[in-house]
C-alpha atoms as a PDB file:
ATOM      1  CA  UNK A   1      -9.393  35.080  22.830  1.00  0.00           C
ATOM      2  CA  UNK A   2      -9.545  31.993  20.595  1.00  0.00           C
ATOM      3  CA  UNK A   3      -7.595  33.792  17.841  1.00  0.00           C
ATOM      4  CA  UNK A   4      -4.933  34.916  20.325  1.00  0.00           C
ATOM      5  CA  UNK A   5      -4.512  31.311  21.429  1.00  0.00           C
ATOM      6  CA  UNK A   6      -4.096  30.241  17.803  1.00  0.00           C
ATOM      7  CA  UNK A   7      -1.362  32.875  17.279  1.00  0.00           C
ATOM      8  CA  UNK A   8       0.443  31.801  20.478  1.00  0.00           C
ATOM      9  CA  UNK A   9       0.428  28.164  19.335  1.00  0.00           C
ATOM     10  CA  UNK A  10       1.908  29.124  15.957  1.00  0.00           C
ATOM     11  CA  UNK A  11       4.675  31.241  17.471  1.00  0.00           C
ATOM     12  CA  UNK A  12       5.522  28.605  20.076  1.00  0.00           C
ATOM     13  CA  UNK A  13       5.858  25.898  17.451  1.00  0.00           C
ATOM     14  CA  UNK A  14       8.031  28.026  15.154  1.00  0.00           C
ATOM     15  CA  UNK A  15      10.362  29.160  17.926  1.00  0.00           C
ATOM     16  CA  UNK A  16      10.657  25.716  19.500  1.00  0.00           C
ATOM     17  CA  UNK A  17      11.962  24.213  16.262  1.00  0.00           C
ATOM     18  CA  UNK A  18      14.115  27.287  15.452  1.00  0.00           C
ATOM     19  CA  UNK A  19      14.943  26.288  11.931  1.00  0.00           C
ATOM     20  CA  UNK A  20      13.709  26.996   8.419  1.00  0.00           C
ATOM     21  CA  UNK A  21      12.364  24.558   5.884  1.00  0.00           C
ATOM     22  CA  UNK A  22      15.213  24.078   3.439  1.00  0.00           C
ATOM     23  CA  UNK A  23      14.687  21.094   1.203  1.00  0.00           C
ATOM     24  CA  UNK A  24      17.008  21.200  -1.790  1.00  0.00           C
ATOM     25  CA  UNK A  25      15.712  20.168  -5.182  1.00  0.00           C
ATOM     26  CA  UNK A  26      16.597  16.594  -6.168  1.00  0.00           C
ATOM     27  CA  UNK A  27      15.787  14.149  -8.934  1.00  0.00           C
ATOM     28  CA  UNK A  28      12.759  13.133  -6.834  1.00  0.00           C
ATOM     29  CA  UNK A  29      11.399  16.474  -5.627  1.00  0.00           C
ATOM     30  CA  UNK A  30      11.252  20.071  -6.865  1.00  0.00           C
ATOM     31  CA  UNK A  31      10.505  22.651  -4.172  1.00  0.00           C
ATOM     32  CA  UNK A  32       8.343  25.740  -4.739  1.00  0.00           C
ATOM     33  CA  UNK A  33       8.662  27.076  -1.202  1.00  0.00           C
ATOM     34  CA  UNK A  34       9.758  30.486  -2.508  1.00  0.00           C
ATOM     35  CA  UNK A  35       6.492  30.853  -4.430  1.00  0.00           C
ATOM     36  CA  UNK A  36       3.078  31.613  -2.989  1.00  0.00           C
ATOM     37  CA  UNK A  37       0.644  28.737  -3.524  1.00  0.00           C
ATOM     38  CA  UNK A  38      -3.008  29.814  -3.636  1.00  0.00           C
ATOM     39  CA  UNK A  39      -5.551  27.015  -3.781  1.00  0.00           C
ATOM     40  CA  UNK A  40      -9.331  26.608  -3.660  1.00  0.00           C
ATOM     41  CA  UNK A  41     -11.205  23.377  -3.055  1.00  0.00           C
ATOM     42  CA  UNK A  42     -14.707  22.077  -2.512  1.00  0.00           C
ATOM     43  CA  UNK A  43     -15.476  18.897  -0.565  1.00  0.00           C
ATOM     44  CA  UNK A  44     -18.515  16.852   0.381  1.00  0.00           C
ATOM     45  CA  UNK A  45     -17.540  15.854   3.921  1.00  0.00           C
ATOM     46  CA  UNK A  46     -20.690  15.820   6.077  1.00  0.00           C
ATOM     47  CA  UNK A  47     -20.946  16.919   9.714  1.00  0.00           C
ATOM     48  CA  UNK A  48     -23.092  14.305  11.480  1.00  0.00           C
ATOM     49  CA  UNK A  49     -23.541  13.057  15.055  1.00  0.00           C
ATOM     50  CA  UNK A  50     -25.352  10.141  16.644  1.00  0.00           C
ATOM     51  CA  UNK A  51     -27.341  11.086  19.766  1.00  0.00           C
ATOM     52  CA  UNK A  52     -28.015   8.391  22.367  1.00  0.00           C
ATOM     53  CA  UNK A  53     -31.551   9.284  23.508  1.00  0.00           C
ATOM     54  CA  UNK A  54     -32.123   6.176  25.630  1.00  0.00           C
ATOM     55  CA  UNK A  55     -30.296   2.883  26.181  1.00  0.00           C
ATOM     56  CA  UNK A  56     -32.053   1.419  23.150  1.00  0.00           C
ATOM     57  CA  UNK A  57     -32.879   4.458  21.016  1.00  0.00           C
ATOM     58  CA  UNK A  58     -30.671   6.874  19.120  1.00  0.00           C
ATOM     59  CA  UNK A  59     -31.012   9.306  16.219  1.00  0.00           C
ATOM     60  CA  UNK A  60     -28.745  11.308  13.928  1.00  0.00           C
ATOM     61  CA  UNK A  61     -28.161  15.046  13.599  1.00  0.00           C
ATOM     62  CA  UNK A  62     -26.706  16.565  10.418  1.00  0.00           C
ATOM     63  CA  UNK A  63     -25.510  20.078   9.620  1.00  0.00           C
ATOM     64  CA  UNK A  64     -27.181  21.858   6.704  1.00  0.00           C
ATOM     65  CA  UNK A  65     -24.029  22.192   4.595  1.00  0.00           C
ATOM     66  CA  UNK A  66     -23.320  19.333   2.223  1.00  0.00           C
ATOM     67  CA  UNK A  67     -20.579  21.283   0.444  1.00  0.00           C
ATOM     68  CA  UNK A  68     -17.658  23.044   2.108  1.00  0.00           C
ATOM     69  CA  UNK A  69     -15.307  25.500   0.406  1.00  0.00           C
ATOM     70  CA  UNK A  70     -11.734  26.152   1.475  1.00  0.00           C
ATOM     71  CA  UNK A  71      -9.263  28.840   0.422  1.00  0.00           C
ATOM     72  CA  UNK A  72      -5.627  28.229   1.330  1.00  0.00           C
ATOM     73  CA  UNK A  73      -2.240  29.888   0.936  1.00  0.00           C
ATOM     74  CA  UNK A  74       1.230  28.394   1.499  1.00  0.00           C
ATOM     75  CA  UNK A  75       4.574  30.181   1.459  1.00  0.00           C
ATOM     76  CA  UNK A  76       7.980  29.139   2.756  1.00  0.00           C
ATOM     77  CA  UNK A  77       7.422  27.340   6.106  1.00  0.00           C
ATOM     78  CA  UNK A  78       3.838  28.514   6.765  1.00  0.00           C
ATOM     79  CA  UNK A  79       0.378  27.656   5.439  1.00  0.00           C
ATOM     80  CA  UNK A  80      -3.114  28.936   6.223  1.00  0.00           C
ATOM     81  CA  UNK A  81      -6.571  27.635   5.243  1.00  0.00           C
ATOM     82  CA  UNK A  82     -10.002  29.133   5.865  1.00  0.00           C
ATOM     83  CA  UNK A  83     -13.124  27.039   5.314  1.00  0.00           C
ATOM     84  CA  UNK A  84     -16.725  28.168   4.952  1.00  0.00           C
ATOM     85  CA  UNK A  85     -19.986  26.692   3.733  1.00  0.00           C
ATOM     86  CA  UNK A  86     -23.266  27.973   2.255  1.00  0.00           C
ATOM     87  CA  UNK A  87     -26.610  26.461   3.194  1.00  0.00           C
ATOM     88  CA  UNK A  88     -26.744  23.376   1.014  1.00  0.00           C
ATOM     89  CA  UNK A  89     -30.319  22.156   1.225  1.00  0.00           C
ATOM     90  CA  UNK A  90     -33.628  23.774   0.402  1.00  0.00           C
ATOM     91  CA  UNK A  91     -34.541  23.928   4.102  1.00  0.00           C
ATOM     92  CA  UNK A  92     -35.137  26.858   6.460  1.00  0.00           C
ATOM     93  CA  UNK A  93     -32.478  25.577   8.881  1.00  0.00           C
ATOM     94  CA  UNK A  94     -29.268  27.541   9.120  1.00  0.00           C
ATOM     95  CA  UNK A  95     -25.801  26.209   9.920  1.00  0.00           C
ATOM     96  CA  UNK A  96     -22.842  28.421  10.765  1.00  0.00           C
ATOM     97  CA  UNK A  97     -19.481  26.887   9.921  1.00  0.00           C
ATOM     98  CA  UNK A  98     -15.895  28.014  10.573  1.00  0.00           C
ATOM     99  CA  UNK A  99     -12.727  26.067   9.899  1.00  0.00           C
ATOM    100  CA  UNK A 100      -9.255  27.601  10.284  1.00  0.00           C
ATOM    101  CA  UNK A 101      -6.069  25.594   9.793  1.00  0.00           C
ATOM    102  CA  UNK A 102      -2.446  26.599  10.192  1.00  0.00           C
ATOM    103  CA  UNK A 103       0.450  24.480   8.891  1.00  0.00           C
ATOM    104  CA  UNK A 104       4.154  24.638   9.625  1.00  0.00           C
ATOM    105  CA  UNK A 105       6.676  22.929   7.312  1.00  0.00           C
ATOM    106  CA  UNK A 106       9.970  22.213   9.055  1.00  0.00           C
ATOM    107  CA  UNK A 107      12.153  19.997   6.860  1.00  0.00           C
ATOM    108  CA  UNK A 108      10.536  16.538   7.054  1.00  0.00           C
ATOM    109  CA  UNK A 109       8.247  17.580   9.919  1.00  0.00           C
ATOM    110  CA  UNK A 110       4.719  18.881   9.326  1.00  0.00           C
ATOM    111  CA  UNK A 111       2.715  20.508  12.112  1.00  0.00           C
ATOM    112  CA  UNK A 112      -1.039  21.105  11.759  1.00  0.00           C
ATOM    113  CA  UNK A 113      -3.241  23.198  14.048  1.00  0.00           C
ATOM    114  CA  UNK A 114      -7.005  23.497  13.505  1.00  0.00           C
ATOM    115  CA  UNK A 115      -9.897  25.476  14.989  1.00  0.00           C
ATOM    116  CA  UNK A 116     -13.383  24.351  13.945  1.00  0.00           C
ATOM    117  CA  UNK A 117     -16.860  25.569  14.937  1.00  0.00           C
ATOM    118  CA  UNK A 118     -20.251  24.330  13.678  1.00  0.00           C
ATOM    119  CA  UNK A 119     -23.649  25.437  14.993  1.00  0.00           C
ATOM    120  CA  UNK A 120     -27.167  24.544  13.845  1.00  0.00           C
ATOM    121  CA  UNK A 121     -28.270  20.985  13.025  1.00  0.00           C
ATOM    122  CA  UNK A 122     -31.458  19.154  12.079  1.00  0.00           C
ATOM    123  CA  UNK A 123     -32.719  15.650  12.780  1.00  0.00           C
ATOM    124  CA  UNK A 124     -31.809  13.443   9.870  1.00  0.00           C
ATOM    125  CA  UNK A 125     -34.427  11.296   8.181  1.00  0.00           C
ATOM    126  CA  UNK A 126     -37.486  12.005  10.370  1.00  0.00           C
ATOM    127  CA  UNK A 127     -40.197  14.378   9.132  1.00  0.00           C
ATOM    128  CA  UNK A 128     -43.287  14.960  11.295  1.00  0.00           C
ATOM    129  CA  UNK A 129     -46.261  16.756   9.698  1.00  0.00           C
ATOM    130  CA  UNK A 130     -43.995  17.910   6.872  1.00  0.00           C
ATOM    131  CA  UNK A 131     -41.500  19.526   9.263  1.00  0.00           C
ATOM    132  CA  UNK A 132     -38.018  18.298  10.068  1.00  0.00           C
ATOM    133  CA  UNK A 133     -36.971  18.812  13.698  1.00  0.00           C
ATOM    134  CA  UNK A 134     -34.376  21.568  14.119  1.00  0.00           C
ATOM    135  CA  UNK A 135     -31.573  21.811  16.705  1.00  0.00           C
ATOM    136  CA  UNK A 136     -30.424  25.447  16.273  1.00  0.00           C
ATOM    137  CA  UNK A 137     -28.420  25.494  19.539  1.00  0.00           C
ATOM    138  CA  UNK A 138     -26.538  22.258  18.956  1.00  0.00           C
ATOM    139  CA  UNK A 139     -22.930  23.432  18.677  1.00  0.00           C
ATOM    140  CA  UNK A 140     -19.520  21.819  18.406  1.00  0.00           C
ATOM    141  CA  UNK A 141     -16.168  23.554  18.884  1.00  0.00           C
ATOM    142  CA  UNK A 142     -12.865  21.750  18.467  1.00  0.00           C
ATOM    143  CA  UNK A 143      -9.142  22.432  18.628  1.00  0.00           C
ATOM    144  CA  UNK A 144      -7.035  19.770  16.897  1.00  0.00           C
ATOM    145  CA  UNK A 145      -3.370  19.235  16.202  1.00  0.00           C
ATOM    146  CA  UNK A 146      -1.189  16.719  14.402  1.00  0.00           C
ATOM    147  CA  UNK A 147       2.580  16.299  14.311  1.00  0.00           C
ATOM    148  CA  UNK A 148       3.878  14.172  11.425  1.00  0.00           C
ATOM    149  CA  UNK A 149       7.292  13.063  10.222  1.00  0.00           C
ATOM    150  CA  UNK A 150       7.967  11.902   6.650  1.00  0.00           C
ATOM    151  CA  UNK A 151      10.563   9.141   6.993  1.00  0.00           C
ATOM    152  CA  UNK A 152      11.600   8.957   3.320  1.00  0.00           C
ATOM    153  CA  UNK A 153      13.231  12.242   2.188  1.00  0.00           C
ATOM    154  CA  UNK A 154      12.553  11.259  -1.443  1.00  0.00           C
ATOM    155  CA  UNK A 155       8.788  11.305  -0.882  1.00  0.00           C
ATOM    156  CA  UNK A 156       6.857  14.579  -0.783  1.00  0.00           C
ATOM    157  CA  UNK A 157       3.718  14.703   1.338  1.00  0.00           C
ATOM    158  CA  UNK A 158       3.686  18.433   0.574  1.00  0.00           C
ATOM    159  CA  UNK A 159       3.117  17.561  -3.086  1.00  0.00           C
ATOM    160  CA  UNK A 160       0.104  15.356  -2.320  1.00  0.00           C
ATOM    161  CA  UNK A 161      -1.655  17.512   0.291  1.00  0.00           C
ATOM    162  CA  UNK A 162      -0.355  21.082  -0.006  1.00  0.00           C
ATOM    163  CA  UNK A 163       1.160  21.443  -3.521  1.00  0.00           C
ATOM    164  CA  UNK A 164       4.228  23.326  -2.302  1.00  0.00           C
ATOM    165  CA  UNK A 165       6.463  20.707  -3.960  1.00  0.00           C
ATOM    166  CA  UNK A 166       6.455  18.582  -7.106  1.00  0.00           C
ATOM    167  CA  UNK A 167       7.103  14.832  -6.950  1.00  0.00           C
ATOM    168  CA  UNK A 168       9.185  14.103 -10.069  1.00  0.00           C
ATOM    169  CA  UNK A 169       9.851  10.366  -9.571  1.00  0.00           C
ATOM    170  CA  UNK A 170       7.672   7.697  -7.967  1.00  0.00           C
ATOM    171  CA  UNK A 171       8.252   7.172  -4.241  1.00  0.00           C
ATOM    172  CA  UNK A 172       6.453   6.342  -1.006  1.00  0.00           C
ATOM    173  CA  UNK A 173       6.932   6.747   2.718  1.00  0.00           C
ATOM    174  CA  UNK A 174       5.780   5.688   6.136  1.00  0.00           C
ATOM    175  CA  UNK A 175       4.615   8.767   8.069  1.00  0.00           C
ATOM    176  CA  UNK A 176       4.190   8.343  11.850  1.00  0.00           C
ATOM    177  CA  UNK A 177       1.775  10.917  13.279  1.00  0.00           C
ATOM    178  CA  UNK A 178       0.734  12.035  16.732  1.00  0.00           C
ATOM    179  CA  UNK A 179      -2.793  13.467  16.797  1.00  0.00           C
ATOM    180  CA  UNK A 180      -4.413  15.311  19.687  1.00  0.00           C
ATOM    181  CA  UNK A 181      -7.422  17.505  20.241  1.00  0.00           C
ATOM    182  CA  UNK A 182     -10.210  18.883  22.376  1.00  0.00           C
ATOM    183  CA  UNK A 183     -13.869  19.008  21.354  1.00  0.00           C
ATOM    184  CA  UNK A 184     -16.823  20.564  23.172  1.00  0.00           C
ATOM    185  CA  UNK A 185     -20.413  19.708  22.180  1.00  0.00           C
ATOM    186  CA  UNK A 186     -23.286  21.660  23.722  1.00  0.00           C
ATOM    187  CA  UNK A 187     -27.042  22.026  23.384  1.00  0.00           C
ATOM    188  CA  UNK A 188     -30.085  23.098  25.396  1.00  0.00           C
ATOM    189  CA  UNK A 189     -32.447  20.437  26.738  1.00  0.00           C
ATOM    190  CA  UNK A 190     -35.641  21.864  28.283  1.00  0.00           C
ATOM    191  CA  UNK A 191     -33.869  25.190  28.960  1.00  0.00           C
ATOM    192  CA  UNK A 192     -30.934  23.442  30.648  1.00  0.00           C
ATOM    193  CA  UNK A 193     -27.497  23.476  29.060  1.00  0.00           C
ATOM    194  CA  UNK A 194     -26.099  20.084  28.116  1.00  0.00           C
ATOM    195  CA  UNK A 195     -22.310  19.906  27.687  1.00  0.00           C
ATOM    196  CA  UNK A 196     -19.987  17.115  26.653  1.00  0.00           C
ATOM    197  CA  UNK A 197     -16.195  17.452  26.473  1.00  0.00           C
ATOM    198  CA  UNK A 198     -13.847  15.146  24.563  1.00  0.00           C
ATOM    199  CA  UNK A 199     -10.066  14.964  25.009  1.00  0.00           C
ATOM    200  CA  UNK A 200      -8.452  12.841  22.291  1.00  0.00           C
ATOM    201  CA  UNK A 201      -4.952  11.543  21.666  1.00  0.00           C
ATOM    202  CA  UNK A 202      -3.932   8.909  19.131  1.00  0.00           C
ATOM    203  CA  UNK A 203      -0.965   7.491  17.246  1.00  0.00           C
ATOM    204  CA  UNK A 204      -1.271   6.848  13.505  1.00  0.00           C
ATOM    205  CA  UNK A 205       0.948   5.015  11.059  1.00  0.00           C
ATOM    206  CA  UNK A 206       0.235   6.607   7.667  1.00  0.00           C
ATOM    207  CA  UNK A 207       1.577   5.255   4.406  1.00  0.00           C
ATOM    208  CA  UNK A 208       1.478   7.079   1.046  1.00  0.00           C
ATOM    209  CA  UNK A 209       2.874   6.078  -2.340  1.00  0.00           C
ATOM    210  CA  UNK A 210       2.928   8.414  -5.351  1.00  0.00           C
ATOM    211  CA  UNK A 211       3.106   7.064  -8.879  1.00  0.00           C
ATOM    212  CA  UNK A 212       4.294   9.729 -11.303  1.00  0.00           C
ATOM    213  CA  UNK A 213       2.592   9.350 -14.698  1.00  0.00           C
ATOM    214  CA  UNK A 214       3.684  11.163 -17.864  1.00  0.00           C
ATOM    215  CA  UNK A 215       5.721  13.754 -15.921  1.00  0.00           C
ATOM    216  CA  UNK A 216       2.812  16.018 -14.856  1.00  0.00           C
ATOM    217  CA  UNK A 217       0.227  13.499 -13.645  1.00  0.00           C
ATOM    218  CA  UNK A 218       0.215  11.484 -10.430  1.00  0.00           C
ATOM    219  CA  UNK A 219      -1.820   8.924  -8.495  1.00  0.00           C
ATOM    220  CA  UNK A 220      -1.364   8.443  -4.728  1.00  0.00           C
ATOM    221  CA  UNK A 221      -3.177   5.838  -2.609  1.00  0.00           C
ATOM    222  CA  UNK A 222      -2.900   6.092   1.180  1.00  0.00           C
ATOM    223  CA  UNK A 223      -3.807   4.159   4.303  1.00  0.00           C
ATOM    224  CA  UNK A 224      -3.872   5.498   7.855  1.00  0.00           C
ATOM    225  CA  UNK A 225      -4.704   3.177  10.776  1.00  0.00           C
ATOM    226  CA  UNK A 226      -4.716   4.779  14.242  1.00  0.00           C
ATOM    227  CA  UNK A 227      -5.284   3.811  17.857  1.00  0.00           C
ATOM    228  CA  UNK A 228      -5.838   6.132  20.761  1.00  0.00           C
ATOM    229  CA  UNK A 229      -7.583   7.141  23.974  1.00  0.00           C
ATOM    230  CA  UNK A 230     -10.560   9.456  24.469  1.00  0.00           C
ATOM    231  CA  UNK A 231     -11.470  11.017  27.813  1.00  0.00           C
ATOM    232  CA  UNK A 232     -15.056  12.299  28.040  1.00  0.00           C
ATOM    233  CA  UNK A 233     -17.158  14.125  30.593  1.00  0.00           C
ATOM    234  CA  UNK A 234     -20.866  14.921  30.368  1.00  0.00           C
ATOM    235  CA  UNK A 235     -22.921  17.404  32.385  1.00  0.00           C
ATOM    236  CA  UNK A 236     -26.669  18.207  32.450  1.00  0.00           C
ATOM    237  CA  UNK A 237     -28.180  19.812  35.552  1.00  0.00           C
ATOM    238  CA  UNK A 238     -27.071  17.562  38.443  1.00  0.00           C
ATOM    239  CA  UNK A 239     -26.088  14.689  36.160  1.00  0.00           C
ATOM    240  CA  UNK A 240     -22.373  14.189  35.577  1.00  0.00           C
ATOM    241  CA  UNK A 241     -20.588  11.314  33.838  1.00  0.00           C
ATOM    242  CA  UNK A 242     -16.964  10.600  33.007  1.00  0.00           C
ATOM    243  CA  UNK A 243     -15.565   7.889  30.726  1.00  0.00           C
ATOM    244  CA  UNK A 244     -12.277   6.704  29.262  1.00  0.00           C
ATOM    245  CA  UNK A 245     -12.592   5.061  25.853  1.00  0.00           C
ATOM    246  CA  UNK A 246     -10.229   3.151  23.607  1.00  0.00           C
ATOM    247  CA  UNK A 247     -10.572   4.424  20.027  1.00  0.00           C
ATOM    248  CA  UNK A 248      -9.561   3.042  16.647  1.00  0.00           C
ATOM    249  CA  UNK A 249      -9.823   4.546  13.183  1.00  0.00           C
ATOM    250  CA  UNK A 250      -8.959   3.770   9.593  1.00  0.00           C
ATOM    251  CA  UNK A 251      -8.691   6.253   6.748  1.00  0.00           C
ATOM    252  CA  UNK A 252      -8.287   5.174   3.132  1.00  0.00           C
ATOM    253  CA  UNK A 253      -7.458   7.773   0.489  1.00  0.00           C
ATOM    254  CA  UNK A 254      -6.955   8.023  -3.247  1.00  0.00           C
ATOM    255  CA  UNK A 255      -5.413  11.197  -4.693  1.00  0.00           C
ATOM    256  CA  UNK A 256      -4.811  12.054  -8.316  1.00  0.00           C
ATOM    257  CA  UNK A 257      -4.031  15.231 -10.168  1.00  0.00           C
ATOM    258  CA  UNK A 258      -1.981  17.405 -12.485  1.00  0.00           C
ATOM    259  CA  UNK A 259       1.085  19.445 -11.485  1.00  0.00           C
ATOM    260  CA  UNK A 260       3.098  22.051 -13.386  1.00  0.00           C
ATOM    261  CA  UNK A 261       5.367  24.901 -12.276  1.00  0.00           C
ATOM    262  CA  UNK A 262       2.387  27.294 -12.201  1.00  0.00           C
ATOM    263  CA  UNK A 263      -0.881  25.333 -12.080  1.00  0.00           C
ATOM    264  CA  UNK A 264      -2.201  22.408 -10.044  1.00  0.00           C
ATOM    265  CA  UNK A 265      -5.533  20.607 -10.171  1.00  0.00           C
ATOM    266  CA  UNK A 266      -6.870  17.325  -8.906  1.00  0.00           C
ATOM    267  CA  UNK A 267      -9.268  15.371  -6.745  1.00  0.00           C
ATOM    268  CA  UNK A 268      -9.192  12.935  -3.878  1.00  0.00           C
ATOM    269  CA  UNK A 269     -11.552  10.424  -2.339  1.00  0.00           C
ATOM    270  CA  UNK A 270     -11.482   9.398   1.324  1.00  0.00           C
ATOM    271  CA  UNK A 271     -13.177   6.783   3.456  1.00  0.00           C
ATOM    272  CA  UNK A 272     -13.201   7.267   7.240  1.00  0.00           C
ATOM    273  CA  UNK A 273     -14.142   4.618   9.779  1.00  0.00           C
ATOM    274  CA  UNK A 274     -14.078   5.301  13.537  1.00  0.00           C
ATOM    275  CA  UNK A 275     -14.932   3.071  16.488  1.00  0.00           C
ATOM    276  CA  UNK A 276     -14.616   2.952  20.280  1.00  0.00           C
ATOM    277  CA  UNK A 277     -15.069   0.252  22.902  1.00  0.00           C
ATOM    278  CA  UNK A 278     -18.084   2.095  24.368  1.00  0.00           C
ATOM    279  CA  UNK A 279     -20.580   4.778  23.366  1.00  0.00           C
ATOM    280  CA  UNK A 280     -20.745   8.294  24.737  1.00  0.00           C
ATOM    281  CA  UNK A 281     -23.872  10.460  24.916  1.00  0.00           C
ATOM    282  CA  UNK A 282     -22.935  12.028  21.557  1.00  0.00           C
ATOM    283  CA  UNK A 283     -20.846  10.208  18.948  1.00  0.00           C
ATOM    284  CA  UNK A 284     -19.374  11.138  15.573  1.00  0.00           C
ATOM    285  CA  UNK A 285     -21.035   9.173  12.782  1.00  0.00           C
ATOM    286  CA  UNK A 286     -18.699   6.352  11.715  1.00  0.00           C
ATOM    287  CA  UNK A 287     -17.973   5.025   8.235  1.00  0.00           C
ATOM    288  CA  UNK A 288     -18.140   8.166   6.067  1.00  0.00           C
ATOM    289  CA  UNK A 289     -16.889   8.667   2.538  1.00  0.00           C
ATOM    290  CA  UNK A 290     -16.328  12.033   0.872  1.00  0.00           C
ATOM    291  CA  UNK A 291     -14.650  13.637  -2.136  1.00  0.00           C
ATOM    292  CA  UNK A 292     -12.648  16.816  -2.764  1.00  0.00           C
ATOM    293  CA  UNK A 293     -11.937  18.784  -5.943  1.00  0.00           C
ATOM    294  CA  UNK A 294      -9.176  21.430  -6.008  1.00  0.00           C
ATOM    295  CA  UNK A 295      -7.263  23.796  -8.263  1.00  0.00           C
ATOM    296  CA  UNK A 296      -4.429  26.213  -7.519  1.00  0.00           C
ATOM    297  CA  UNK A 297      -1.894  28.678  -8.886  1.00  0.00           C
ATOM    298  CA  UNK A 298       1.725  29.416  -7.930  1.00  0.00           C
ATOM    299  CA  UNK A 299       3.343  32.813  -8.350  1.00  0.00           C
ATOM    300  CA  UNK A 300       6.389  34.692  -7.133  1.00  0.00           C
ATOM    301  CA  UNK A 301       5.969  36.490  -3.840  1.00  0.00           C
ATOM    302  CA  UNK A 302       6.016  40.320  -3.917  1.00  0.00           C
ATOM    303  CA  UNK A 303       9.342  41.739  -2.748  1.00  0.00           C
ATOM    304  CA  UNK A 304       7.767  43.366   0.321  1.00  0.00           C
ATOM    305  CA  UNK A 305       6.166  40.060   1.330  1.00  0.00           C
ATOM    306  CA  UNK A 306       9.439  38.191   0.807  1.00  0.00           C
ATOM    307  CA  UNK A 307      11.342  40.702   2.948  1.00  0.00           C
ATOM    308  CA  UNK A 308       8.899  40.206   5.818  1.00  0.00           C
ATOM    309  CA  UNK A 309       9.191  36.416   5.562  1.00  0.00           C
ATOM    310  CA  UNK A 310      13.013  36.621   5.485  1.00  0.00           C
ATOM    311  CA  UNK A 311      12.918  38.913   8.542  1.00  0.00           C
ATOM    312  CA  UNK A 312      10.805  36.370  10.462  1.00  0.00           C
ATOM    313  CA  UNK A 313      13.159  33.533   9.508  1.00  0.00           C
ATOM    314  CA  UNK A 314      16.192  35.486  10.674  1.00  0.00           C
ATOM    315  CA  UNK A 315      14.524  36.259  14.000  1.00  0.00           C
ATOM    316  CA  UNK A 316      13.643  32.581  14.482  1.00  0.00           C
ATOM    317  CA  UNK A 317      17.188  31.425  13.600  1.00  0.00           C
ATOM    318  CA  UNK A 318      18.701  33.881  16.119  1.00  0.00           C
ATOM    319  CA  UNK A 319      16.563  32.704  19.005  1.00  0.00           C
END
């Protein structure tokens, strides 16, 4: 059912825009939309939550996967990423991890849709009698989306994040974004199911600037402040709570890498800080930094693949 919903969301977004991504090459940007971009990356972003046990006591839960691997493919107006993670620590605890992202490139618009599922956590930092407490049923499922618009047509966000274009001259842009999502966190407490639902919506004002160095090299710093609203509800046995929270966040990024017509490689560093005007039962750990390393290869699409993509574009244009 969840995969059907993902397909419906993709089709709805494509048909609602009813246009193809057609960005002509310029002195600032070279497009590789007619080539398939395959990319692999590894990142160190941790999955951690703060649990409010009592009014004065809390503790942290962390998934047993310090490294996450992602394989992605982009072609024409569509991109797909699949993330997975091996068990990272020498511990008996197991964590299952799924991360699926779909991207749509529609001229200066970029639409992201994400499904994410993580199950199996352990209590961070506390070891009793040589054993670290395990939370095998602690599970989080989330559906997230983001709609972004690149205001400067001479700046390529697709070069920085997706490598489907090549920024040839230095440029920057303000990128307004609308972010929205649903997250469900569940666990079992003394054989009773504990459930917390989060409904998030926020507005972000991203800014990126790419410095092109020696033709093939680039450096891009970014800043992304956001403000939003989070609606929560919590249920355990006969206990039920509902809250409305004001949320703020700040993301700082630094991207650098190498680009050529066939190969790409690079790294980026990010710092995330999140806050709200009140605490829920379960909260995402704030103030996290992480790094990513990637490499990729572009190649011409097989004729059969290209024909299918052209057929889809024609159907969308005729709607």
